[in-house]
Amino acid sequence: MDSIAATPLPEGAKARRVYLALRDQIADGRLGDGDSLPGEQQLAQSFGVSRVTVRRALQALVEAGLVVRRAGSGTRVSAAVQSRPMAMDFTTLMPQLVEMGQSTAARLLSFAYGEAPDFIARAMRLPAGEEVQIATRVRSADGTPFSHLTTYVPAGIAQNYSENDLATTPLFKLLERSGVRIDAAHQSVSATLAGPDVAEALNVAVGSALLSLKRVVRDETGAGVEYLSGLYRPDMFRLEMPLARVGTGPARHWEPAIGRTEEDAS
């Protein structure tokens, strides 16, 4: 499943553009196992670049293990990269994340207590100077890292479980075991680029695109009990949302089809 190795991006903005475009086509299945890529001249014309630029991009794809180049037979997608990414239904994300926590492996990178950063205190509605537990983990599937997770939990709650617990048990389970009655959560999804530390942990190139998920979990009183900053490899993880067409006339619109599969909503 390791379809984007920690290979440096090719030199030059144009070569990077070609590399990233072809990498995305491989990651989302537009170029499948054994498919041939267009020749250098055709790629150069398609992207409006020189053949030297195309060669740099193709060499980076080879070094990433995404393609194989052979004299006389061109460039083909490597069979080793053809694995489906882990898919999560956005409308039922919470229980899926708990299940994922039980079926994948976590490696604890750091564990400490300290004063909540200002942006965390504001998001969780904590008093200024509140102490929180700060932990960073990398979660892997079949030995391949796919998420880099940093969590902030109020110290009064976090002291009910150990560092070893956090490395072996999903955080939702630990919160519930600590007596927390989770009521609601708010999350947002955006994109970012991998910095050196995160790139090394996720085994991707520095500057690779990552899915960024921020989530604040609250208990029945509205108090923040967890802040999550998660970074996910897009080749290994994706969020899906089935939609249903509802309403009548001019008011007819799309809305999330909660609890329904793509087939149900179609």
C-alpha atoms as a PDB file:
ATOM      1  CA  MET A   1       0.000   0.000   0.000  1.00  0.00           C
ATOM      2  CA  ASP A   2       3.021   2.290   0.166  1.00  0.00           C
ATOM      3  CA  SER A   3       2.298   4.176  -3.039  1.00  0.00           C
ATOM      4  CA  ILE A   4       4.161   7.388  -2.253  1.00  0.00           C
ATOM      5  CA  ALA A   5       7.622   6.726  -0.912  1.00  0.00           C
ATOM      6  CA  ALA A   6       9.680   9.348   0.879  1.00  0.00           C
ATOM      7  CA  THR A   7      11.360  10.407  -2.348  1.00  0.00           C
ATOM      8  CA  PRO A   8      12.376  14.063  -2.867  1.00  0.00           C
ATOM      9  CA  LEU A   9      10.289  15.965  -5.379  1.00  0.00           C
ATOM     10  CA  PRO A  10      12.076  16.561  -8.686  1.00  0.00           C
ATOM     11  CA  GLU A  11      13.992  19.804  -9.117  1.00  0.00           C
ATOM     12  CA  GLY A  12      12.168  22.602 -10.896  1.00  0.00           C
ATOM     13  CA  ALA A  13       8.555  23.781 -10.626  1.00  0.00           C
ATOM     14  CA  LYS A  14       7.612  22.369 -14.041  1.00  0.00           C
ATOM     15  CA  ALA A  15       8.998  18.905 -13.271  1.00  0.00           C
ATOM     16  CA  ARG A  16       7.149  18.917  -9.938  1.00  0.00           C
ATOM     17  CA  ARG A  17       3.917  19.845 -11.698  1.00  0.00           C
ATOM     18  CA  VAL A  18       4.269  16.920 -14.110  1.00  0.00           C
ATOM     19  CA  TYR A  19       5.269  14.551 -11.308  1.00  0.00           C
ATOM     20  CA  LEU A  20       2.352  15.520  -9.066  1.00  0.00           C
ATOM     21  CA  ALA A  21      -0.174  15.343 -11.920  1.00  0.00           C
ATOM     22  CA  LEU A  22       0.938  11.826 -12.903  1.00  0.00           C
ATOM     23  CA  ARG A  23       1.175  10.731  -9.280  1.00  0.00           C
ATOM     24  CA  ASP A  24      -2.428  11.854  -8.703  1.00  0.00           C
ATOM     25  CA  GLN A  25      -3.608   9.921 -11.756  1.00  0.00           C
ATOM     26  CA  ILE A  26      -1.967   6.787 -10.354  1.00  0.00           C
ATOM     27  CA  ALA A  27      -3.276   7.352  -6.815  1.00  0.00           C
ATOM     28  CA  ASP A  28      -6.914   7.780  -7.878  1.00  0.00           C
ATOM     29  CA  GLY A  29      -6.883   4.882 -10.343  1.00  0.00           C
ATOM     30  CA  ARG A  30      -6.992   6.762 -13.640  1.00  0.00           C
ATOM     31  CA  LEU A  31      -3.724   4.968 -14.375  1.00  0.00           C
ATOM     32  CA  GLY A  32      -4.002   1.398 -13.132  1.00  0.00           C
ATOM     33  CA  ASP A  33      -1.760  -1.595 -12.571  1.00  0.00           C
ATOM     34  CA  GLY A  34       0.408  -2.184 -15.636  1.00  0.00           C
ATOM     35  CA  ASP A  35      -1.009   0.729 -17.633  1.00  0.00           C
ATOM     36  CA  SER A  36       1.434   2.415 -19.987  1.00  0.00           C
ATOM     37  CA  LEU A  37       2.128   6.102 -19.610  1.00  0.00           C
ATOM     38  CA  PRO A  38       2.264   8.230 -22.771  1.00  0.00           C
ATOM     39  CA  GLY A  39       5.714   8.629 -24.311  1.00  0.00           C
ATOM     40  CA  GLU A  40       8.060  11.439 -23.320  1.00  0.00           C
ATOM     41  CA  GLN A  41       7.257  13.508 -26.407  1.00  0.00           C
ATOM     42  CA  GLN A  42       3.496  13.198 -25.869  1.00  0.00           C
ATOM     43  CA  LEU A  43       3.809  14.090 -22.188  1.00  0.00           C
ATOM     44  CA  ALA A  44       5.997  17.068 -23.045  1.00  0.00           C
ATOM     45  CA  GLN A  45       3.354  18.349 -25.458  1.00  0.00           C
ATOM     46  CA  SER A  46       0.484  17.690 -23.031  1.00  0.00           C
ATOM     47  CA  PHE A  47       2.127  19.611 -20.195  1.00  0.00           C
ATOM     48  CA  GLY A  48       3.835  22.235 -22.336  1.00  0.00           C
ATOM     49  CA  VAL A  49       7.305  21.379 -21.046  1.00  0.00           C
ATOM     50  CA  SER A  50      10.565  19.991 -22.425  1.00  0.00           C
ATOM     51  CA  ARG A  51      11.422  16.301 -22.629  1.00  0.00           C
ATOM     52  CA  VAL A  52      14.207  16.910 -20.107  1.00  0.00           C
ATOM     53  CA  THR A  53      11.564  18.121 -17.644  1.00  0.00           C
ATOM     54  CA  VAL A  54       9.435  15.040 -18.335  1.00  0.00           C
ATOM     55  CA  ARG A  55      12.436  12.773 -17.723  1.00  0.00           C
ATOM     56  CA  ARG A  56      13.023  14.391 -14.322  1.00  0.00           C
ATOM     57  CA  ALA A  57       9.391  13.816 -13.369  1.00  0.00           C
ATOM     58  CA  LEU A  58       9.409  10.209 -14.569  1.00  0.00           C
ATOM     59  CA  GLN A  59      12.622   9.477 -12.694  1.00  0.00           C
ATOM     60  CA  ALA A  60      11.024  10.777  -9.490  1.00  0.00           C
ATOM     61  CA  LEU A  61       8.060   8.454 -10.109  1.00  0.00           C
ATOM     62  CA  VAL A  62      10.492   5.550 -10.537  1.00  0.00           C
ATOM     63  CA  GLU A  63      12.270   6.418  -7.295  1.00  0.00           C
ATOM     64  CA  ALA A  64       8.903   6.609  -5.534  1.00  0.00           C
ATOM     65  CA  GLY A  65       8.114   3.083  -6.722  1.00  0.00           C
ATOM     66  CA  LEU A  66       5.106   4.245  -8.703  1.00  0.00           C
ATOM     67  CA  VAL A  67       6.286   3.319 -12.194  1.00  0.00           C
ATOM     68  CA  VAL A  68       8.759   1.018 -13.903  1.00  0.00           C
ATOM     69  CA  ARG A  69      10.738   2.146 -16.966  1.00  0.00           C
ATOM     70  CA  ARG A  70      12.227  -0.368 -19.381  1.00  0.00           C
ATOM     71  CA  ALA A  71      14.069   0.325 -22.612  1.00  0.00           C
ATOM     72  CA  GLY A  72      11.893  -0.600 -25.548  1.00  0.00           C
ATOM     73  CA  SER A  73       8.691  -1.018 -23.544  1.00  0.00           C
ATOM     74  CA  GLY A  74       8.193   2.474 -22.122  1.00  0.00           C
ATOM     75  CA  THR A  75       6.903   3.415 -18.677  1.00  0.00           C
ATOM     76  CA  ARG A  76       4.288   1.382 -16.847  1.00  0.00           C
ATOM     77  CA  VAL A  77       2.490   1.756 -13.527  1.00  0.00           C
ATOM     78  CA  SER A  78       3.967  -0.525 -10.886  1.00  0.00           C
ATOM     79  CA  ALA A  79       1.703  -3.305  -9.611  1.00  0.00           C
ATOM     80  CA  ALA A  80       2.908  -2.616  -6.064  1.00  0.00           C
ATOM     81  CA  VAL A  81       0.907   0.616  -5.808  1.00  0.00           C
ATOM     82  CA  GLN A  82      -2.509  -0.731  -6.676  1.00  0.00           C
ATOM     83  CA  SER A  83      -4.215  -0.874  -3.291  1.00  0.00           C
ATOM     84  CA  ARG A  84      -7.473   0.847  -2.405  1.00  0.00           C
ATOM     85  CA  PRO A  85      -7.141   3.671   0.107  1.00  0.00           C
ATOM     86  CA  MET A  86      -9.005   3.478   3.393  1.00  0.00           C
ATOM     87  CA  ALA A  87     -12.394   5.119   2.778  1.00  0.00           C
ATOM     88  CA  MET A  88     -14.487   6.823   5.458  1.00  0.00           C
ATOM     89  CA  ASP A  89     -18.108   7.885   5.096  1.00  0.00           C
ATOM     90  CA  PHE A  90     -18.183  11.505   6.297  1.00  0.00           C
ATOM     91  CA  THR A  91     -21.750  11.158   7.610  1.00  0.00           C
ATOM     92  CA  THR A  92     -20.852   8.253   9.928  1.00  0.00           C
ATOM     93  CA  LEU A  93     -17.231   9.184  10.556  1.00  0.00           C
ATOM     94  CA  MET A  94     -17.117   8.889  14.346  1.00  0.00           C
ATOM     95  CA  PRO A  95     -17.960   5.181  14.714  1.00  0.00           C
ATOM     96  CA  GLN A  96     -15.767   4.401  11.719  1.00  0.00           C
ATOM     97  CA  LEU A  97     -12.817   6.161  13.336  1.00  0.00           C
ATOM     98  CA  VAL A  98     -13.314   4.119  16.507  1.00  0.00           C
ATOM     99  CA  GLU A  99     -13.392   0.918  14.446  1.00  0.00           C
ATOM    100  CA  MET A 100     -10.309   2.039  12.526  1.00  0.00           C
ATOM    101  CA  GLY A 101      -8.515   2.639  15.820  1.00  0.00           C
ATOM    102  CA  GLN A 102      -9.108  -0.983  16.742  1.00  0.00           C
ATOM    103  CA  SER A 103      -8.039  -2.453  13.387  1.00  0.00           C
ATOM    104  CA  THR A 104      -4.895  -0.411  12.737  1.00  0.00           C
ATOM    105  CA  ALA A 105      -1.635   0.033  14.647  1.00  0.00           C
ATOM    106  CA  ALA A 106      -0.499   3.228  16.404  1.00  0.00           C
ATOM    107  CA  ARG A 107       3.024   4.365  17.230  1.00  0.00           C
ATOM    108  CA  LEU A 108       3.392   7.009  19.924  1.00  0.00           C
ATOM    109  CA  LEU A 109       5.895   9.699  18.893  1.00  0.00           C
ATOM    110  CA  SER A 110       5.567  12.071  21.844  1.00  0.00           C
ATOM    111  CA  PHE A 111       3.680  12.347  25.126  1.00  0.00           C
ATOM    112  CA  ALA A 112       3.772  15.307  27.494  1.00  0.00           C
ATOM    113  CA  TYR A 113       1.762  17.667  29.697  1.00  0.00           C
ATOM    114  CA  GLY A 114       1.824  21.427  29.317  1.00  0.00           C
ATOM    115  CA  GLU A 115      -0.177  24.618  29.105  1.00  0.00           C
ATOM    116  CA  ALA A 116      -2.731  24.603  26.294  1.00  0.00           C
ATOM    117  CA  PRO A 117      -1.654  26.786  23.347  1.00  0.00           C
ATOM    118  CA  ASP A 118      -3.925  29.803  22.908  1.00  0.00           C
ATOM    119  CA  PHE A 119      -5.646  28.482  19.789  1.00  0.00           C
ATOM    120  CA  ILE A 120      -6.378  25.173  21.521  1.00  0.00           C
ATOM    121  CA  ALA A 121      -7.742  26.889  24.627  1.00  0.00           C
ATOM    122  CA  ARG A 122     -10.031  29.036  22.469  1.00  0.00           C
ATOM    123  CA  ALA A 123     -11.278  26.107  20.385  1.00  0.00           C
ATOM    124  CA  MET A 124     -11.961  23.947  23.464  1.00  0.00           C
ATOM    125  CA  ARG A 125     -13.216  26.881  25.597  1.00  0.00           C
ATOM    126  CA  LEU A 126     -10.657  26.181  28.294  1.00  0.00           C
ATOM    127  CA  PRO A 127      -9.556  28.672  30.950  1.00  0.00           C
ATOM    128  CA  ALA A 128      -6.296  30.462  30.198  1.00  0.00           C
ATOM    129  CA  GLY A 129      -3.322  28.448  31.418  1.00  0.00           C
ATOM    130  CA  GLU A 130      -5.244  25.150  31.549  1.00  0.00           C
ATOM    131  CA  GLU A 131      -2.934  22.127  31.510  1.00  0.00           C
ATOM    132  CA  VAL A 132      -3.479  19.571  28.761  1.00  0.00           C
ATOM    133  CA  GLN A 133      -1.956  16.294  27.697  1.00  0.00           C
ATOM    134  CA  ILE A 134      -0.348  16.595  24.268  1.00  0.00           C
ATOM    135  CA  ALA A 135       0.300  13.361  22.382  1.00  0.00           C
ATOM    136  CA  THR A 136       1.385  12.683  18.818  1.00  0.00           C
ATOM    137  CA  ARG A 137       0.845   9.312  17.165  1.00  0.00           C
ATOM    138  CA  VAL A 138       1.293   7.802  13.726  1.00  0.00           C
ATOM    139  CA  ARG A 139      -1.316   5.278  12.704  1.00  0.00           C
ATOM    140  CA  SER A 140      -0.474   2.553  10.174  1.00  0.00           C
ATOM    141  CA  ALA A 141      -2.351  -0.022   8.123  1.00  0.00           C
ATOM    142  CA  ASP A 142      -0.514  -3.172   7.054  1.00  0.00           C
ATOM    143  CA  GLY A 143       2.731  -1.567   8.175  1.00  0.00           C
ATOM    144  CA  THR A 144       2.302   1.582   6.085  1.00  0.00           C
ATOM    145  CA  PRO A 145       1.746   4.910   7.914  1.00  0.00           C
ATOM    146  CA  PHE A 146      -1.317   6.835   6.783  1.00  0.00           C
ATOM    147  CA  SER A 147      -2.106   9.389   9.525  1.00  0.00           C
ATOM    148  CA  HIS A 148      -0.205  11.735  11.844  1.00  0.00           C
ATOM    149  CA  LEU A 149      -2.397  12.618  14.839  1.00  0.00           C
ATOM    150  CA  THR A 150      -1.809  15.204  17.564  1.00  0.00           C
ATOM    151  CA  THR A 151      -4.358  15.296  20.379  1.00  0.00           C
ATOM    152  CA  TYR A 152      -4.923  17.710  23.251  1.00  0.00           C
ATOM    153  CA  VAL A 153      -6.918  16.478  26.276  1.00  0.00           C
ATOM    154  CA  PRO A 154      -7.498  18.349  29.568  1.00  0.00           C
ATOM    155  CA  ALA A 155      -5.079  16.998  32.188  1.00  0.00           C
ATOM    156  CA  GLY A 156      -7.893  16.194  34.625  1.00  0.00           C
ATOM    157  CA  ILE A 157      -9.258  13.684  32.122  1.00  0.00           C
ATOM    158  CA  ALA A 158      -5.978  12.460  30.658  1.00  0.00           C
ATOM    159  CA  GLN A 159      -4.565  11.483  34.042  1.00  0.00           C
ATOM    160  CA  ASN A 160      -7.026   8.594  34.078  1.00  0.00           C
ATOM    161  CA  TYR A 161      -5.021   6.678  31.457  1.00  0.00           C
ATOM    162  CA  SER A 162      -1.361   5.975  30.856  1.00  0.00           C
ATOM    163  CA  GLU A 163       1.080   6.588  28.031  1.00  0.00           C
ATOM    164  CA  ASN A 164       0.921   2.876  27.222  1.00  0.00           C
ATOM    165  CA  ASP A 165      -2.897   3.012  27.121  1.00  0.00           C
ATOM    166  CA  LEU A 166      -2.734   5.764  24.528  1.00  0.00           C
ATOM    167  CA  ALA A 167      -0.386   3.722  22.361  1.00  0.00           C
ATOM    168  CA  THR A 168      -2.655   0.665  22.410  1.00  0.00           C
ATOM    169  CA  THR A 169      -6.262   1.891  22.803  1.00  0.00           C
ATOM    170  CA  PRO A 170      -8.367   4.317  20.686  1.00  0.00           C
ATOM    171  CA  LEU A 171      -8.688   7.684  22.427  1.00  0.00           C
ATOM    172  CA  PHE A 172     -12.497   7.626  22.284  1.00  0.00           C
ATOM    173  CA  LYS A 173     -12.422   4.444  24.341  1.00  0.00           C
ATOM    174  CA  LEU A 174     -10.047   6.002  26.873  1.00  0.00           C
ATOM    175  CA  LEU A 175     -12.232   9.092  27.222  1.00  0.00           C
ATOM    176  CA  GLU A 176     -15.321   6.979  27.852  1.00  0.00           C
ATOM    177  CA  ARG A 177     -13.397   4.802  30.304  1.00  0.00           C
ATOM    178  CA  SER A 178     -12.437   7.990  32.134  1.00  0.00           C
ATOM    179  CA  GLY A 179     -16.126   8.801  32.655  1.00  0.00           C
ATOM    180  CA  VAL A 180     -16.497  11.318  29.829  1.00  0.00           C
ATOM    181  CA  ARG A 181     -19.950  11.347  28.244  1.00  0.00           C
ATOM    182  CA  ILE A 182     -19.268  12.502  24.698  1.00  0.00           C
ATOM    183  CA  ASP A 183     -22.142  14.483  23.240  1.00  0.00           C
ATOM    184  CA  ALA A 184     -21.003  16.318  20.105  1.00  0.00           C
ATOM    185  CA  ALA A 185     -18.093  17.179  17.868  1.00  0.00           C
ATOM    186  CA  HIS A 186     -17.261  19.698  15.190  1.00  0.00           C
ATOM    187  CA  GLN A 187     -14.692  19.059  12.519  1.00  0.00           C
ATOM    188  CA  SER A 188     -13.313  20.747   9.447  1.00  0.00           C
ATOM    189  CA  VAL A 189     -11.328  19.362   6.533  1.00  0.00           C
ATOM    190  CA  SER A 190      -8.778  21.199   4.417  1.00  0.00           C
ATOM    191  CA  ALA A 191      -5.460  20.499   2.722  1.00  0.00           C
ATOM    192  CA  THR A 192      -1.860  21.222   3.626  1.00  0.00           C
ATOM    193  CA  LEU A 193       1.693  20.268   2.688  1.00  0.00           C
ATOM    194  CA  ALA A 194       3.961  17.873   4.569  1.00  0.00           C
ATOM    195  CA  GLY A 195       6.761  19.505   6.543  1.00  0.00           C
ATOM    196  CA  PRO A 196      10.015  17.641   7.224  1.00  0.00           C
ATOM    197  CA  ASP A 197       8.959  15.961  10.505  1.00  0.00           C
ATOM    198  CA  VAL A 198       5.531  14.874   9.284  1.00  0.00           C
ATOM    199  CA  ALA A 199       6.949  13.768   5.912  1.00  0.00           C
ATOM    200  CA  GLU A 200       9.449  11.522   7.670  1.00  0.00           C
ATOM    201  CA  ALA A 201       6.779  10.045   9.955  1.00  0.00           C
ATOM    202  CA  LEU A 202       4.385   9.329   7.074  1.00  0.00           C
ATOM    203  CA  ASN A 203       7.101   8.230   4.641  1.00  0.00           C
ATOM    204  CA  VAL A 204       6.236  10.820   2.005  1.00  0.00           C
ATOM    205  CA  ALA A 205       8.246  13.509   0.261  1.00  0.00           C
ATOM    206  CA  VAL A 206       8.547  16.914   1.895  1.00  0.00           C
ATOM    207  CA  GLY A 207       5.940  19.147   0.288  1.00  0.00           C
ATOM    208  CA  SER A 208       3.521  16.300  -0.476  1.00  0.00           C
ATOM    209  CA  ALA A 209      -0.158  17.192  -0.248  1.00  0.00           C
ATOM    210  CA  LEU A 210      -1.949  15.951   2.878  1.00  0.00           C
ATOM    211  CA  LEU A 211      -5.554  15.914   4.009  1.00  0.00           C
ATOM    212  CA  SER A 212      -5.885  18.022   7.173  1.00  0.00           C
ATOM    213  CA  LEU A 213      -8.670  17.302   9.669  1.00  0.00           C
ATOM    214  CA  LYS A 214      -9.352  19.381  12.796  1.00  0.00           C
ATOM    215  CA  ARG A 215     -11.874  18.155  15.349  1.00  0.00           C
ATOM    216  CA  VAL A 216     -13.143  19.404  18.704  1.00  0.00           C
ATOM    217  CA  VAL A 217     -15.059  16.878  20.834  1.00  0.00           C
ATOM    218  CA  ARG A 218     -17.394  18.072  23.633  1.00  0.00           C
ATOM    219  CA  ASP A 219     -19.144  16.402  26.535  1.00  0.00           C
ATOM    220  CA  GLU A 220     -22.763  16.813  27.629  1.00  0.00           C
ATOM    221  CA  THR A 221     -21.976  20.123  29.362  1.00  0.00           C
ATOM    222  CA  GLY A 222     -20.410  21.584  26.218  1.00  0.00           C
ATOM    223  CA  ALA A 223     -16.890  21.417  27.650  1.00  0.00           C
ATOM    224  CA  GLY A 224     -14.086  20.523  25.246  1.00  0.00           C
ATOM    225  CA  VAL A 225     -12.634  17.102  26.036  1.00  0.00           C
ATOM    226  CA  GLU A 226     -10.396  16.582  22.991  1.00  0.00           C
ATOM    227  CA  TYR A 227      -8.848  18.589  20.190  1.00  0.00           C
ATOM    228  CA  LEU A 228      -7.493  16.567  17.273  1.00  0.00           C
ATOM    229  CA  SER A 229      -5.188  17.787  14.538  1.00  0.00           C
ATOM    230  CA  GLY A 230      -4.917  14.967  12.014  1.00  0.00           C
ATOM    231  CA  LEU A 231      -2.862  14.797   8.826  1.00  0.00           C
ATOM    232  CA  TYR A 232      -3.665  12.011   6.361  1.00  0.00           C
ATOM    233  CA  ARG A 233      -1.984  10.694   3.240  1.00  0.00           C
ATOM    234  CA  PRO A 234      -4.514  11.154   0.407  1.00  0.00           C
ATOM    235  CA  ASP A 235      -3.264   8.005  -1.330  1.00  0.00           C
ATOM    236  CA  MET A 236      -4.072   6.008   1.822  1.00  0.00           C
ATOM    237  CA  PHE A 237      -7.147   7.725   3.208  1.00  0.00           C
ATOM    238  CA  ARG A 238     -10.181   9.475   1.772  1.00  0.00           C
ATOM    239  CA  LEU A 239     -13.473  10.889   3.019  1.00  0.00           C
ATOM    240  CA  GLU A 240     -16.674  10.085   1.158  1.00  0.00           C
ATOM    241  CA  MET A 241     -20.167  11.540   1.498  1.00  0.00           C
ATOM    242  CA  PRO A 242     -23.238  10.023  -0.186  1.00  0.00           C
ATOM    243  CA  LEU A 243     -25.765  12.685  -1.215  1.00  0.00           C
ATOM    244  CA  ALA A 244     -29.517  12.480  -1.804  1.00  0.00           C
ATOM    245  CA  ARG A 245     -31.635  14.771  -3.966  1.00  0.00           C
ATOM    246  CA  VAL A 246     -34.502  16.025  -1.778  1.00  0.00           C
ATOM    247  CA  GLY A 247     -37.303  18.584  -1.876  1.00  0.00           C
ATOM    248  CA  THR A 248     -39.553  19.630  -4.708  1.00  0.00           C
ATOM    249  CA  GLY A 249     -39.581  22.308  -7.362  1.00  0.00           C
ATOM    250  CA  PRO A 250     -37.172  25.238  -6.934  1.00  0.00           C
ATOM    251  CA  ALA A 251     -36.358  24.056  -3.401  1.00  0.00           C
ATOM    252  CA  ARG A 252     -35.003  20.718  -4.617  1.00  0.00           C
ATOM    253  CA  HIS A 253     -31.387  20.314  -3.453  1.00  0.00           C
ATOM    254  CA  TRP A 254     -28.626  17.937  -2.388  1.00  0.00           C
ATOM    255  CA  GLU A 255     -28.109  16.972   1.237  1.00  0.00           C
ATOM    256  CA  PRO A 256     -26.029  14.317   3.049  1.00  0.00           C
ATOM    257  CA  ALA A 257     -27.672  10.892   2.943  1.00  0.00           C
ATOM    258  CA  ILE A 258     -26.871   9.930   6.539  1.00  0.00           C
ATOM    259  CA  GLY A 259     -26.604   6.214   7.111  1.00  0.00           C
ATOM    260  CA  ARG A 260     -26.962   5.375   3.422  1.00  0.00           C
ATOM    261  CA  THR A 261     -24.399   3.934   1.045  1.00  0.00           C
ATOM    262  CA  GLU A 262     -23.550   5.336  -2.366  1.00  0.00           C
ATOM    263  CA  GLU A 263     -25.709   2.624  -3.932  1.00  0.00           C
ATOM    264  CA  ASP A 264     -28.657   3.509  -1.661  1.00  0.00           C
ATOM    265  CA  ALA A 265     -28.403   7.194  -2.568  1.00  0.00           C
ATOM    266  CA  SER A 266     -28.150   6.617  -6.304  1.00  0.00           C
END
